Amino acid sequence: MLTGTLAEALPPGSVAVERKRGMADRLAGRDGRVERVEVFLGEQRLVLGLAGRRPEGEVCKEVRGAVLSRRPVELDE
């Protein structure tokens, strides 16, 4: 639900979703569970991913496709 809302609210191509599909997901025709969401905003890339079962946030500064810096952030930030 969050990924669909983000994709509708932001310009096309600014939200990327990475999913993990197990064999049961493939057989049932499901998309799989979301492992990582990236939002591209100019030179910033906001990343929300899973480390095991715990969510982690990260802010990256990116110029012309190269990541210059990464900063871990708390989810409330």
Protein backbone atom coordinates (compact mmCIF):
# COMPACT_ATOMS: atom_id res chain seq x y z
CA MET A 1 0.00 0.00 0.00
CA LEU A 2 2.81 2.43 0.90
CA THR A 3 4.68 1.80 -2.35
CA GLY A 4 1.55 2.38 -4.45
CA THR A 5 0.77 5.62 -2.64
CA LEU A 6 4.35 6.86 -3.05
CA ALA A 7 4.41 5.97 -6.73
CA GLU A 8 1.16 7.89 -7.32
CA ALA A 9 2.25 10.97 -5.34
CA LEU A 10 5.72 11.36 -6.86
CA PRO A 11 6.86 11.81 -10.48
CA PRO A 12 7.16 8.63 -12.59
CA GLY A 13 10.43 6.76 -12.07
CA SER A 14 11.19 8.25 -8.66
CA VAL A 15 10.17 5.14 -6.65
CA ALA A 16 11.86 1.74 -6.98
CA VAL A 17 10.67 -1.38 -5.15
CA GLU A 18 12.73 -4.54 -4.71
CA ARG A 19 10.80 -7.70 -3.86
CA LYS A 20 11.84 -11.17 -2.79
CA ARG A 21 9.79 -14.00 -4.26
CA GLY A 22 9.97 -17.47 -2.81
CA MET A 23 8.83 -20.64 -4.52
CA ALA A 24 5.42 -20.44 -2.80
CA ASP A 25 4.98 -16.87 -4.11
CA ARG A 26 5.83 -17.96 -7.65
CA LEU A 27 3.45 -20.91 -7.57
CA ALA A 28 0.63 -18.77 -6.15
CA GLY A 29 1.27 -15.93 -8.63
CA ARG A 30 2.07 -13.41 -5.88
CA ASP A 31 4.52 -10.52 -6.19
CA GLY A 32 6.46 -11.52 -3.08
CA ARG A 33 7.35 -9.44 -0.05
CA VAL A 34 8.93 -6.01 -0.27
CA GLU A 35 12.61 -6.06 0.75
CA ARG A 36 13.64 -2.51 -0.18
CA VAL A 37 12.06 0.77 -1.25
CA GLU A 38 14.09 3.60 -2.79
CA VAL A 39 12.83 7.12 -3.42
CA PHE A 40 14.87 9.37 -5.72
CA LEU A 41 14.55 13.10 -4.99
CA GLY A 42 17.05 15.13 -7.00
CA GLU A 43 20.49 14.36 -5.60
CA GLN A 44 19.09 12.48 -2.60
CA ARG A 45 18.08 8.86 -2.49
CA LEU A 46 16.02 7.71 0.49
CA VAL A 47 16.25 3.99 1.18
CA LEU A 48 14.10 1.85 3.44
CA GLY A 49 15.19 -1.77 3.64
CA LEU A 50 15.03 -4.81 5.85
CA ALA A 51 18.01 -6.13 7.79
CA GLY A 52 16.70 -9.51 8.79
CA ARG A 53 13.25 -8.58 10.05
CA ARG A 54 14.21 -5.07 11.25
CA PRO A 55 13.67 -2.00 9.03
CA GLU A 56 16.62 0.29 8.37
CA GLY A 57 16.70 3.74 6.81
CA GLU A 58 19.47 5.39 4.83
CA VAL A 59 19.94 8.73 3.06
CA CYS A 60 22.35 8.74 0.13
CA LYS A 61 23.76 11.66 -1.81
CA GLU A 62 23.97 10.69 -5.46
CA VAL A 63 25.36 12.65 -8.42
CA ARG A 64 25.04 11.31 -11.98
CA GLY A 65 24.39 7.77 -10.74
CA ALA A 66 27.37 7.64 -8.35
CA VAL A 67 26.69 7.52 -4.61
CA LEU A 68 28.99 10.03 -2.88
CA SER A 69 27.84 9.46 0.71
CA ARG A 70 25.56 7.25 2.77
CA ARG A 71 24.11 8.13 6.15
CA PRO A 72 22.08 5.70 8.25
CA VAL A 73 19.00 7.34 9.76
CA GLU A 74 16.37 6.41 12.31
CA LEU A 75 12.93 5.72 10.89
CA ASP A 76 11.35 8.69 12.61
CA GLU A 77 13.79 11.04 10.85
